Amino acid sequence: DNADDRARERVENIDALINAAAEYDRQNEGATLQGFLEQVALVSDTDRWDEKADRVTLMTLHSAKGLEFPVVIICGMEEGLLPHILSVEHPDRVEEERRLCFVGMTRAMKRLALTYAHTRAVAGRYQDRMPSRFLREIPADVVSIQRSGAAGADDDTDNEHRPPYDDLGFKNGDYVRHEHFGPGRITSIQKRGRLTHARIFFEGAGERTIILQYADLQREEDW
């Protein structure tokens, strides 16, 4: 498992490097490899931040430490992103990411917005997502929930990535609770003969494949 984790981390690092190189090439006419290497070695997110500029500043949670902004928007508050998929099965890593999330939230002086997507393209494929466990730890009396786009519509809205109800009444995207694995969200449902297999992303156990006919699942209201 550790070897698989390291392999995934290396792939993600390569993707980040490619994205950074592409951005540098777009922003710099006559860009060279030497110039790119010098920039990534010397420039951080906060080096590019202009406090007086009237524009949105993008930076990582790590880079935001010690800074304050009138408005802060934290995107990707989803299981698998925050906390990261490589951390969900390690309580100490989840706790570290919880602290990092708190740091990001407390950068806001006037207004804080936390967003998540119901569906996200991951490695070229659309996946249903589950809201981060950190969202449910925020006291309800200080939160105003707003929905946009398809997420604000009825759950039966036509969506090519969400198959219709199966014969047990569960559908892709349902929030459920399992006796042993706790709360989770169904990410896919597939009929195999007389049995219905569901892939479910659980907060504390990661992604599991469950046979619905044999699982004692209970629905949970949308978070």
Foldseek 3Di string as FASTA:
>chain_A
DVVVLVVVVVVVVVVVVVVQVVVVPVVDPPDDPVVSVVCVVPDFQVNPDDPPDPDDGDHDLVVCAPAADQEAEAEAQFVCVQVNLSPLQPVVSNVVSLVSVVRRQVSHDHYYHYYHDQWDQDPNDIWGTHGHPSVVVDDPVVDDDDDDDPVPDDPPPDDPQWDDADPVRDTAQFWKQFPPQGIWGWTDWDDDPPWIWTWIQGRRPGTDIDTVVPTPIGTDDRD
